[in-house]
Protein backbone atom coordinates (compact mmCIF):
# COMPACT_ATOMS: atom_id res chain seq x y z
CA UNK A 1 0.00 0.00 0.00
CA UNK A 2 2.91 2.35 0.74
CA UNK A 3 4.23 1.75 -2.79
CA UNK A 4 0.88 2.72 -4.29
CA UNK A 5 0.72 5.89 -2.20
CA UNK A 6 4.30 6.77 -3.17
CA UNK A 7 3.43 6.25 -6.84
CA UNK A 8 0.39 8.50 -6.47
CA UNK A 9 2.38 11.30 -4.82
CA UNK A 10 5.12 11.02 -7.44
CA UNK A 11 2.57 11.12 -10.25
CA UNK A 12 0.79 14.13 -8.76
CA UNK A 13 4.05 16.04 -8.46
CA UNK A 14 4.86 15.27 -12.09
CA UNK A 15 1.44 16.59 -13.11
CA UNK A 16 2.15 19.95 -11.50
CA UNK A 17 4.78 20.79 -14.13
CA UNK A 18 2.74 19.69 -17.16
CA UNK A 19 0.59 21.74 -19.50
CA UNK A 20 -3.12 20.92 -19.66
CA UNK A 21 -2.87 18.29 -22.45
CA UNK A 22 0.08 16.53 -20.84
CA UNK A 23 -1.70 16.72 -17.50
CA UNK A 24 -4.81 15.02 -18.95
CA UNK A 25 -2.72 12.23 -20.50
CA UNK A 26 -0.84 11.74 -17.23
CA UNK A 27 -4.11 11.60 -15.28
CA UNK A 28 -5.41 8.90 -17.66
CA UNK A 29 -2.23 6.86 -17.10
CA UNK A 30 -2.49 7.32 -13.35
CA UNK A 31 -6.15 6.28 -13.41
CA UNK A 32 -5.27 3.19 -15.48
CA UNK A 33 -2.57 2.27 -12.98
CA UNK A 34 -4.94 2.54 -10.01
CA UNK A 35 -7.61 0.50 -11.82
CA UNK A 36 -5.05 -2.23 -12.52
CA UNK A 37 -4.23 -2.61 -8.82
CA UNK A 38 -7.70 -1.92 -7.46
CA UNK A 39 -9.09 -4.90 -5.52
CA UNK A 40 -11.79 -6.80 -7.41
CA UNK A 41 -14.41 -5.89 -4.80
CA UNK A 42 -13.89 -2.19 -5.59
CA UNK A 43 -13.55 -2.81 -9.31
CA UNK A 44 -16.98 -4.48 -9.44
CA UNK A 45 -18.70 -2.47 -6.70
CA UNK A 46 -22.29 -1.31 -7.22
CA UNK A 47 -22.71 -2.53 -10.82
CA UNK A 48 -26.49 -2.70 -11.28
CA UNK A 49 -28.09 -4.47 -14.28
CA UNK A 50 -30.18 -2.10 -16.39
CA UNK A 51 -28.96 0.93 -14.42
CA UNK A 52 -25.15 1.24 -14.60
CA UNK A 53 -24.03 2.89 -17.86
CA UNK A 54 -21.03 2.08 -20.02
CA UNK A 55 -19.50 5.45 -19.08
CA UNK A 56 -19.84 4.61 -15.37
CA UNK A 57 -18.22 1.21 -15.94
CA UNK A 58 -15.30 2.77 -17.82
CA UNK A 59 -14.91 5.37 -15.07
CA UNK A 60 -14.86 2.68 -12.37
CA UNK A 61 -13.00 -0.10 -14.17
CA UNK A 62 -10.92 1.84 -16.70
CA UNK A 63 -10.54 1.19 -20.39
CA UNK A 64 -11.02 -2.46 -21.35
CA UNK A 65 -8.23 -4.51 -22.90
CA UNK A 66 -10.59 -5.32 -25.76
CA UNK A 67 -14.10 -4.32 -26.73
CA UNK A 68 -16.39 -6.34 -28.98
CA UNK A 69 -19.59 -5.01 -30.51
CA UNK A 70 -22.14 -7.57 -31.66
CA UNK A 71 -24.64 -7.31 -34.53
CA UNK A 72 -27.51 -6.41 -32.18
CA UNK A 73 -25.49 -3.46 -30.80
CA UNK A 74 -24.66 -5.12 -27.48
CA UNK A 75 -21.04 -5.07 -26.29
CA UNK A 76 -18.58 -7.14 -24.31
CA UNK A 77 -15.71 -5.42 -22.50
CA UNK A 78 -12.67 -7.50 -21.52
CA UNK A 79 -10.85 -6.74 -18.26
CA UNK A 80 -7.89 -9.07 -17.54
CA UNK A 81 -6.46 -8.60 -14.04
CA UNK A 82 -2.93 -9.53 -15.07
CA UNK A 83 -0.24 -9.96 -15.84
CA UNK A 84 -0.07 -12.22 -12.79
CA UNK A 85 -3.73 -11.88 -11.85
CA UNK A 86 -5.97 -14.92 -11.80
CA UNK A 87 -9.21 -13.28 -12.96
CA UNK A 88 -10.44 -11.94 -16.27
CA UNK A 89 -13.81 -10.23 -16.27
CA UNK A 90 -16.12 -9.97 -19.27
CA UNK A 91 -18.64 -7.16 -18.83
CA UNK A 92 -21.74 -7.40 -21.02
CA UNK A 93 -23.72 -4.32 -22.06
CA UNK A 94 -27.09 -4.19 -23.79
CA UNK A 95 -27.61 -2.26 -27.07
CA UNK A 96 -28.47 0.86 -25.02
CA UNK A 97 -25.08 0.73 -23.25
CA UNK A 98 -26.48 -0.46 -19.92
CA UNK A 99 -24.81 -3.09 -17.74
CA UNK A 100 -26.20 -6.63 -18.09
CA UNK A 101 -23.68 -8.86 -16.31
CA UNK A 102 -20.07 -9.50 -15.38
CA UNK A 103 -18.45 -12.93 -15.63
CA UNK A 104 -15.10 -14.17 -14.34
CA UNK A 105 -14.06 -16.35 -17.29
CA UNK A 106 -10.90 -18.10 -16.01
CA UNK A 107 -12.70 -21.17 -14.74
CA UNK A 108 -12.41 -24.93 -15.20
CA UNK A 109 -15.77 -24.89 -17.02
CA UNK A 110 -14.50 -22.39 -19.62
CA UNK A 111 -11.14 -24.11 -20.01
CA UNK A 112 -13.02 -27.36 -20.75
CA UNK A 113 -14.70 -25.59 -23.69
CA UNK A 114 -11.35 -25.06 -25.46
CA UNK A 115 -11.10 -27.85 -28.00
CA UNK A 116 -8.82 -28.79 -30.89
CA UNK A 117 -9.96 -27.03 -34.04
CA UNK A 118 -10.82 -23.70 -32.36
CA UNK A 119 -9.27 -20.52 -33.74
CA UNK A 120 -7.22 -18.02 -31.76
CA UNK A 121 -10.12 -15.56 -31.97
CA UNK A 122 -12.59 -18.11 -30.59
CA UNK A 123 -10.29 -18.84 -27.65
CA UNK A 124 -9.68 -15.13 -27.02
CA UNK A 125 -13.45 -14.46 -27.01
CA UNK A 126 -13.89 -17.21 -24.41
CA UNK A 127 -10.92 -16.58 -22.09
CA UNK A 128 -9.65 -13.08 -22.82
CA UNK A 129 -6.05 -11.98 -23.10
CA UNK A 130 -3.54 -14.69 -22.21
CA UNK A 131 -1.05 -14.10 -19.40
CA UNK A 132 1.84 -15.25 -21.58
CA UNK A 133 2.46 -16.25 -25.19
CA UNK A 134 5.40 -18.52 -26.05
CA UNK A 135 6.66 -19.65 -29.47
CA UNK A 136 8.21 -23.09 -29.96
CA UNK A 137 9.80 -23.06 -33.41
CA UNK A 138 10.95 -26.69 -33.45
CA UNK A 139 7.45 -27.92 -32.56
CA UNK A 140 5.94 -25.33 -34.91
CA UNK A 141 3.47 -24.19 -32.28
CA UNK A 142 2.78 -21.28 -30.02
CA UNK A 143 1.23 -21.58 -26.60
CA UNK A 144 -1.10 -19.13 -24.91
CA UNK A 145 -1.24 -19.50 -21.13
CA UNK A 146 -3.66 -18.14 -18.51
CA UNK A 147 -2.84 -17.88 -14.81
CA UNK A 148 -5.77 -19.02 -12.67
CA UNK A 149 -6.78 -20.41 -9.29
CA UNK A 150 -7.26 -24.07 -10.05
CA UNK A 151 -9.15 -24.81 -6.86
CA UNK A 152 -10.91 -21.43 -6.92
CA UNK A 153 -9.13 -20.32 -3.77
CA UNK A 154 -5.36 -20.66 -3.51
CA UNK A 155 -3.80 -23.18 -5.92
CA UNK A 156 -2.21 -21.24 -8.77
CA UNK A 157 -1.89 -23.04 -12.07
CA UNK A 158 -1.57 -22.29 -15.77
CA UNK A 159 -4.01 -23.38 -18.46
CA UNK A 160 -2.29 -23.67 -21.84
CA UNK A 161 -3.76 -23.67 -25.35
CA UNK A 162 -1.34 -24.98 -27.98
CA UNK A 163 -1.82 -23.56 -31.49
CA UNK A 164 -0.38 -24.89 -34.74
CA UNK A 165 1.18 -22.64 -37.40
CA UNK A 166 -2.32 -22.02 -38.81
CA UNK A 167 -3.57 -20.52 -35.51
CA UNK A 168 -5.79 -23.51 -34.71
CA UNK A 169 -5.81 -25.27 -31.32
CA UNK A 170 -4.08 -28.65 -31.50
CA UNK A 171 -4.20 -29.51 -27.79
CA UNK A 172 -4.46 -28.04 -24.30
CA UNK A 173 -2.47 -28.67 -21.16
CA UNK A 174 -2.06 -27.66 -17.54
CA UNK A 175 1.18 -26.62 -15.84
CA UNK A 176 2.31 -25.32 -12.51
CA UNK A 177 2.40 -21.57 -12.05
CA UNK A 178 5.75 -19.99 -11.32
CA UNK A 179 6.74 -20.66 -7.75
CA UNK A 180 5.38 -24.21 -7.67
CA UNK A 181 1.69 -23.35 -7.77
CA UNK A 182 1.48 -21.20 -4.63
CA UNK A 183 1.83 -17.44 -4.49
C-alpha atoms as a PDB file:
ATOM      1  CA  UNK A   1       0.000   0.000   0.000  1.00  0.00           C
ATOM      2  CA  UNK A   2       2.910   2.345   0.739  1.00  0.00           C
ATOM      3  CA  UNK A   3       4.233   1.745  -2.785  1.00  0.00           C
ATOM      4  CA  UNK A   4       0.880   2.723  -4.285  1.00  0.00           C
ATOM      5  CA  UNK A   5       0.718   5.894  -2.195  1.00  0.00           C
ATOM      6  CA  UNK A   6       4.300   6.771  -3.169  1.00  0.00           C
ATOM      7  CA  UNK A   7       3.432   6.253  -6.844  1.00  0.00           C
ATOM      8  CA  UNK A   8       0.387   8.497  -6.471  1.00  0.00           C
ATOM      9  CA  UNK A   9       2.384  11.296  -4.820  1.00  0.00           C
ATOM     10  CA  UNK A  10       5.119  11.020  -7.440  1.00  0.00           C
ATOM     11  CA  UNK A  11       2.566  11.121 -10.254  1.00  0.00           C
ATOM     12  CA  UNK A  12       0.788  14.132  -8.758  1.00  0.00           C
ATOM     13  CA  UNK A  13       4.053  16.039  -8.457  1.00  0.00           C
ATOM     14  CA  UNK A  14       4.864  15.272 -12.092  1.00  0.00           C
ATOM     15  CA  UNK A  15       1.443  16.592 -13.109  1.00  0.00           C
ATOM     16  CA  UNK A  16       2.151  19.952 -11.502  1.00  0.00           C
ATOM     17  CA  UNK A  17       4.780  20.787 -14.133  1.00  0.00           C
ATOM     18  CA  UNK A  18       2.736  19.695 -17.161  1.00  0.00           C
ATOM     19  CA  UNK A  19       0.591  21.741 -19.503  1.00  0.00           C
ATOM     20  CA  UNK A  20      -3.116  20.916 -19.658  1.00  0.00           C
ATOM     21  CA  UNK A  21      -2.871  18.295 -22.453  1.00  0.00           C
ATOM     22  CA  UNK A  22       0.080  16.525 -20.840  1.00  0.00           C
ATOM     23  CA  UNK A  23      -1.705  16.722 -17.502  1.00  0.00           C
ATOM     24  CA  UNK A  24      -4.810  15.018 -18.955  1.00  0.00           C
ATOM     25  CA  UNK A  25      -2.723  12.233 -20.496  1.00  0.00           C
ATOM     26  CA  UNK A  26      -0.843  11.742 -17.233  1.00  0.00           C
ATOM     27  CA  UNK A  27      -4.107  11.601 -15.278  1.00  0.00           C
ATOM     28  CA  UNK A  28      -5.407   8.902 -17.662  1.00  0.00           C
ATOM     29  CA  UNK A  29      -2.229   6.858 -17.100  1.00  0.00           C
ATOM     30  CA  UNK A  30      -2.492   7.321 -13.349  1.00  0.00           C
ATOM     31  CA  UNK A  31      -6.152   6.281 -13.407  1.00  0.00           C
ATOM     32  CA  UNK A  32      -5.271   3.186 -15.477  1.00  0.00           C
ATOM     33  CA  UNK A  33      -2.571   2.268 -12.983  1.00  0.00           C
ATOM     34  CA  UNK A  34      -4.944   2.544 -10.013  1.00  0.00           C
ATOM     35  CA  UNK A  35      -7.615   0.504 -11.824  1.00  0.00           C
ATOM     36  CA  UNK A  36      -5.045  -2.227 -12.523  1.00  0.00           C
ATOM     37  CA  UNK A  37      -4.229  -2.615  -8.824  1.00  0.00           C
ATOM     38  CA  UNK A  38      -7.703  -1.919  -7.457  1.00  0.00           C
ATOM     39  CA  UNK A  39      -9.095  -4.901  -5.520  1.00  0.00           C
ATOM     40  CA  UNK A  40     -11.791  -6.800  -7.407  1.00  0.00           C
ATOM     41  CA  UNK A  41     -14.412  -5.890  -4.798  1.00  0.00           C
ATOM     42  CA  UNK A  42     -13.885  -2.186  -5.592  1.00  0.00           C
ATOM     43  CA  UNK A  43     -13.547  -2.808  -9.309  1.00  0.00           C
ATOM     44  CA  UNK A  44     -16.981  -4.479  -9.443  1.00  0.00           C
ATOM     45  CA  UNK A  45     -18.698  -2.467  -6.701  1.00  0.00           C
ATOM     46  CA  UNK A  46     -22.292  -1.307  -7.224  1.00  0.00           C
ATOM     47  CA  UNK A  47     -22.710  -2.532 -10.822  1.00  0.00           C
ATOM     48  CA  UNK A  48     -26.492  -2.703 -11.276  1.00  0.00           C
ATOM     49  CA  UNK A  49     -28.094  -4.467 -14.276  1.00  0.00           C
ATOM     50  CA  UNK A  50     -30.181  -2.104 -16.389  1.00  0.00           C
ATOM     51  CA  UNK A  51     -28.956   0.926 -14.417  1.00  0.00           C
ATOM     52  CA  UNK A  52     -25.152   1.241 -14.598  1.00  0.00           C
ATOM     53  CA  UNK A  53     -24.034   2.888 -17.859  1.00  0.00           C
ATOM     54  CA  UNK A  54     -21.032   2.077 -20.016  1.00  0.00           C
ATOM     55  CA  UNK A  55     -19.503   5.449 -19.078  1.00  0.00           C
ATOM     56  CA  UNK A  56     -19.839   4.611 -15.370  1.00  0.00           C
ATOM     57  CA  UNK A  57     -18.224   1.207 -15.938  1.00  0.00           C
ATOM     58  CA  UNK A  58     -15.305   2.767 -17.816  1.00  0.00           C
ATOM     59  CA  UNK A  59     -14.908   5.365 -15.074  1.00  0.00           C
ATOM     60  CA  UNK A  60     -14.861   2.684 -12.375  1.00  0.00           C
ATOM     61  CA  UNK A  61     -12.995  -0.100 -14.175  1.00  0.00           C
ATOM     62  CA  UNK A  62     -10.922   1.844 -16.697  1.00  0.00           C
ATOM     63  CA  UNK A  63     -10.542   1.192 -20.392  1.00  0.00           C
ATOM     64  CA  UNK A  64     -11.019  -2.461 -21.351  1.00  0.00           C
ATOM     65  CA  UNK A  65      -8.234  -4.507 -22.900  1.00  0.00           C
ATOM     66  CA  UNK A  66     -10.590  -5.320 -25.757  1.00  0.00           C
ATOM     67  CA  UNK A  67     -14.100  -4.323 -26.731  1.00  0.00           C
ATOM     68  CA  UNK A  68     -16.389  -6.343 -28.983  1.00  0.00           C
ATOM     69  CA  UNK A  69     -19.589  -5.011 -30.508  1.00  0.00           C
ATOM     70  CA  UNK A  70     -22.136  -7.572 -31.662  1.00  0.00           C
ATOM     71  CA  UNK A  71     -24.636  -7.313 -34.529  1.00  0.00           C
ATOM     72  CA  UNK A  72     -27.512  -6.410 -32.177  1.00  0.00           C
ATOM     73  CA  UNK A  73     -25.494  -3.458 -30.801  1.00  0.00           C
ATOM     74  CA  UNK A  74     -24.657  -5.122 -27.484  1.00  0.00           C
ATOM     75  CA  UNK A  75     -21.042  -5.068 -26.290  1.00  0.00           C
ATOM     76  CA  UNK A  76     -18.578  -7.145 -24.307  1.00  0.00           C
ATOM     77  CA  UNK A  77     -15.710  -5.421 -22.505  1.00  0.00           C
ATOM     78  CA  UNK A  78     -12.674  -7.498 -21.517  1.00  0.00           C
ATOM     79  CA  UNK A  79     -10.845  -6.740 -18.255  1.00  0.00           C
ATOM     80  CA  UNK A  80      -7.893  -9.066 -17.542  1.00  0.00           C
ATOM     81  CA  UNK A  81      -6.459  -8.602 -14.038  1.00  0.00           C
ATOM     82  CA  UNK A  82      -2.931  -9.532 -15.068  1.00  0.00           C
ATOM     83  CA  UNK A  83      -0.236  -9.958 -15.841  1.00  0.00           C
ATOM     84  CA  UNK A  84      -0.075 -12.221 -12.792  1.00  0.00           C
ATOM     85  CA  UNK A  85      -3.729 -11.885 -11.846  1.00  0.00           C
ATOM     86  CA  UNK A  86      -5.967 -14.923 -11.796  1.00  0.00           C
ATOM     87  CA  UNK A  87      -9.210 -13.284 -12.959  1.00  0.00           C
ATOM     88  CA  UNK A  88     -10.436 -11.939 -16.272  1.00  0.00           C
ATOM     89  CA  UNK A  89     -13.813 -10.234 -16.270  1.00  0.00           C
ATOM     90  CA  UNK A  90     -16.121  -9.967 -19.267  1.00  0.00           C
ATOM     91  CA  UNK A  91     -18.639  -7.158 -18.831  1.00  0.00           C
ATOM     92  CA  UNK A  92     -21.738  -7.404 -21.021  1.00  0.00           C
ATOM     93  CA  UNK A  93     -23.720  -4.319 -22.061  1.00  0.00           C
ATOM     94  CA  UNK A  94     -27.089  -4.195 -23.792  1.00  0.00           C
ATOM     95  CA  UNK A  95     -27.609  -2.255 -27.072  1.00  0.00           C
ATOM     96  CA  UNK A  96     -28.470   0.858 -25.016  1.00  0.00           C
ATOM     97  CA  UNK A  97     -25.082   0.730 -23.255  1.00  0.00           C
ATOM     98  CA  UNK A  98     -26.476  -0.464 -19.918  1.00  0.00           C
ATOM     99  CA  UNK A  99     -24.813  -3.089 -17.741  1.00  0.00           C
ATOM    100  CA  UNK A 100     -26.197  -6.632 -18.093  1.00  0.00           C
ATOM    101  CA  UNK A 101     -23.683  -8.864 -16.308  1.00  0.00           C
ATOM    102  CA  UNK A 102     -20.066  -9.495 -15.383  1.00  0.00           C
ATOM    103  CA  UNK A 103     -18.448 -12.929 -15.632  1.00  0.00           C
ATOM    104  CA  UNK A 104     -15.103 -14.172 -14.338  1.00  0.00           C
ATOM    105  CA  UNK A 105     -14.059 -16.354 -17.287  1.00  0.00           C
ATOM    106  CA  UNK A 106     -10.904 -18.099 -16.014  1.00  0.00           C
ATOM    107  CA  UNK A 107     -12.704 -21.175 -14.742  1.00  0.00           C
ATOM    108  CA  UNK A 108     -12.415 -24.932 -15.199  1.00  0.00           C
ATOM    109  CA  UNK A 109     -15.774 -24.885 -17.024  1.00  0.00           C
ATOM    110  CA  UNK A 110     -14.505 -22.395 -19.619  1.00  0.00           C
ATOM    111  CA  UNK A 111     -11.141 -24.113 -20.014  1.00  0.00           C
ATOM    112  CA  UNK A 112     -13.025 -27.359 -20.749  1.00  0.00           C
ATOM    113  CA  UNK A 113     -14.702 -25.590 -23.695  1.00  0.00           C
ATOM    114  CA  UNK A 114     -11.350 -25.058 -25.457  1.00  0.00           C
ATOM    115  CA  UNK A 115     -11.101 -27.848 -28.003  1.00  0.00           C
ATOM    116  CA  UNK A 116      -8.824 -28.791 -30.888  1.00  0.00           C
ATOM    117  CA  UNK A 117      -9.961 -27.026 -34.045  1.00  0.00           C
ATOM    118  CA  UNK A 118     -10.823 -23.698 -32.355  1.00  0.00           C
ATOM    119  CA  UNK A 119      -9.271 -20.525 -33.745  1.00  0.00           C
ATOM    120  CA  UNK A 120      -7.217 -18.018 -31.764  1.00  0.00           C
ATOM    121  CA  UNK A 121     -10.117 -15.560 -31.967  1.00  0.00           C
ATOM    122  CA  UNK A 122     -12.588 -18.114 -30.589  1.00  0.00           C
ATOM    123  CA  UNK A 123     -10.286 -18.841 -27.650  1.00  0.00           C
ATOM    124  CA  UNK A 124      -9.684 -15.134 -27.019  1.00  0.00           C
ATOM    125  CA  UNK A 125     -13.452 -14.460 -27.009  1.00  0.00           C
ATOM    126  CA  UNK A 126     -13.894 -17.208 -24.412  1.00  0.00           C
ATOM    127  CA  UNK A 127     -10.916 -16.576 -22.090  1.00  0.00           C
ATOM    128  CA  UNK A 128      -9.653 -13.083 -22.816  1.00  0.00           C
ATOM    129  CA  UNK A 129      -6.051 -11.979 -23.104  1.00  0.00           C
ATOM    130  CA  UNK A 130      -3.537 -14.694 -22.206  1.00  0.00           C
ATOM    131  CA  UNK A 131      -1.052 -14.098 -19.396  1.00  0.00           C
ATOM    132  CA  UNK A 132       1.835 -15.251 -21.584  1.00  0.00           C
ATOM    133  CA  UNK A 133       2.457 -16.254 -25.187  1.00  0.00           C
ATOM    134  CA  UNK A 134       5.400 -18.519 -26.049  1.00  0.00           C
ATOM    135  CA  UNK A 135       6.657 -19.645 -29.466  1.00  0.00           C
ATOM    136  CA  UNK A 136       8.206 -23.087 -29.961  1.00  0.00           C
ATOM    137  CA  UNK A 137       9.800 -23.061 -33.410  1.00  0.00           C
ATOM    138  CA  UNK A 138      10.946 -26.690 -33.448  1.00  0.00           C
ATOM    139  CA  UNK A 139       7.453 -27.919 -32.559  1.00  0.00           C
ATOM    140  CA  UNK A 140       5.937 -25.328 -34.911  1.00  0.00           C
ATOM    141  CA  UNK A 141       3.471 -24.190 -32.279  1.00  0.00           C
ATOM    142  CA  UNK A 142       2.784 -21.277 -30.018  1.00  0.00           C
ATOM    143  CA  UNK A 143       1.231 -21.576 -26.599  1.00  0.00           C
ATOM    144  CA  UNK A 144      -1.101 -19.131 -24.910  1.00  0.00           C
ATOM    145  CA  UNK A 145      -1.238 -19.498 -21.127  1.00  0.00           C
ATOM    146  CA  UNK A 146      -3.656 -18.136 -18.511  1.00  0.00           C
ATOM    147  CA  UNK A 147      -2.836 -17.879 -14.813  1.00  0.00           C
ATOM    148  CA  UNK A 148      -5.773 -19.020 -12.667  1.00  0.00           C
ATOM    149  CA  UNK A 149      -6.780 -20.409  -9.293  1.00  0.00           C
ATOM    150  CA  UNK A 150      -7.255 -24.072 -10.052  1.00  0.00           C
ATOM    151  CA  UNK A 151      -9.152 -24.805  -6.859  1.00  0.00           C
ATOM    152  CA  UNK A 152     -10.910 -21.434  -6.920  1.00  0.00           C
ATOM    153  CA  UNK A 153      -9.130 -20.316  -3.773  1.00  0.00           C
ATOM    154  CA  UNK A 154      -5.363 -20.664  -3.513  1.00  0.00           C
ATOM    155  CA  UNK A 155      -3.803 -23.182  -5.920  1.00  0.00           C
ATOM    156  CA  UNK A 156      -2.209 -21.238  -8.765  1.00  0.00           C
ATOM    157  CA  UNK A 157      -1.889 -23.039 -12.074  1.00  0.00           C
ATOM    158  CA  UNK A 158      -1.565 -22.293 -15.771  1.00  0.00           C
ATOM    159  CA  UNK A 159      -4.013 -23.375 -18.457  1.00  0.00           C
ATOM    160  CA  UNK A 160      -2.288 -23.668 -21.841  1.00  0.00           C
ATOM    161  CA  UNK A 161      -3.762 -23.666 -25.345  1.00  0.00           C
ATOM    162  CA  UNK A 162      -1.339 -24.982 -27.979  1.00  0.00           C
ATOM    163  CA  UNK A 163      -1.824 -23.564 -31.493  1.00  0.00           C
ATOM    164  CA  UNK A 164      -0.378 -24.894 -34.738  1.00  0.00           C
ATOM    165  CA  UNK A 165       1.179 -22.642 -37.401  1.00  0.00           C
ATOM    166  CA  UNK A 166      -2.322 -22.022 -38.806  1.00  0.00           C
ATOM    167  CA  UNK A 167      -3.568 -20.516 -35.506  1.00  0.00           C
ATOM    168  CA  UNK A 168      -5.791 -23.509 -34.711  1.00  0.00           C
ATOM    169  CA  UNK A 169      -5.805 -25.268 -31.320  1.00  0.00           C
ATOM    170  CA  UNK A 170      -4.085 -28.653 -31.505  1.00  0.00           C
ATOM    171  CA  UNK A 171      -4.203 -29.512 -27.790  1.00  0.00           C
ATOM    172  CA  UNK A 172      -4.462 -28.038 -24.300  1.00  0.00           C
ATOM    173  CA  UNK A 173      -2.466 -28.667 -21.160  1.00  0.00           C
ATOM    174  CA  UNK A 174      -2.058 -27.662 -17.537  1.00  0.00           C
ATOM    175  CA  UNK A 175       1.176 -26.625 -15.842  1.00  0.00           C
ATOM    176  CA  UNK A 176       2.311 -25.316 -12.505  1.00  0.00           C
ATOM    177  CA  UNK A 177       2.398 -21.573 -12.054  1.00  0.00           C
ATOM    178  CA  UNK A 178       5.749 -19.994 -11.322  1.00  0.00           C
ATOM    179  CA  UNK A 179       6.742 -20.657  -7.752  1.00  0.00           C
ATOM    180  CA  UNK A 180       5.375 -24.206  -7.667  1.00  0.00           C
ATOM    181  CA  UNK A 181       1.689 -23.354  -7.772  1.00  0.00           C
ATOM    182  CA  UNK A 182       1.478 -21.204  -4.630  1.00  0.00           C
ATOM    183  CA  UNK A 183       1.831 -17.442  -4.489  1.00  0.00           C
END
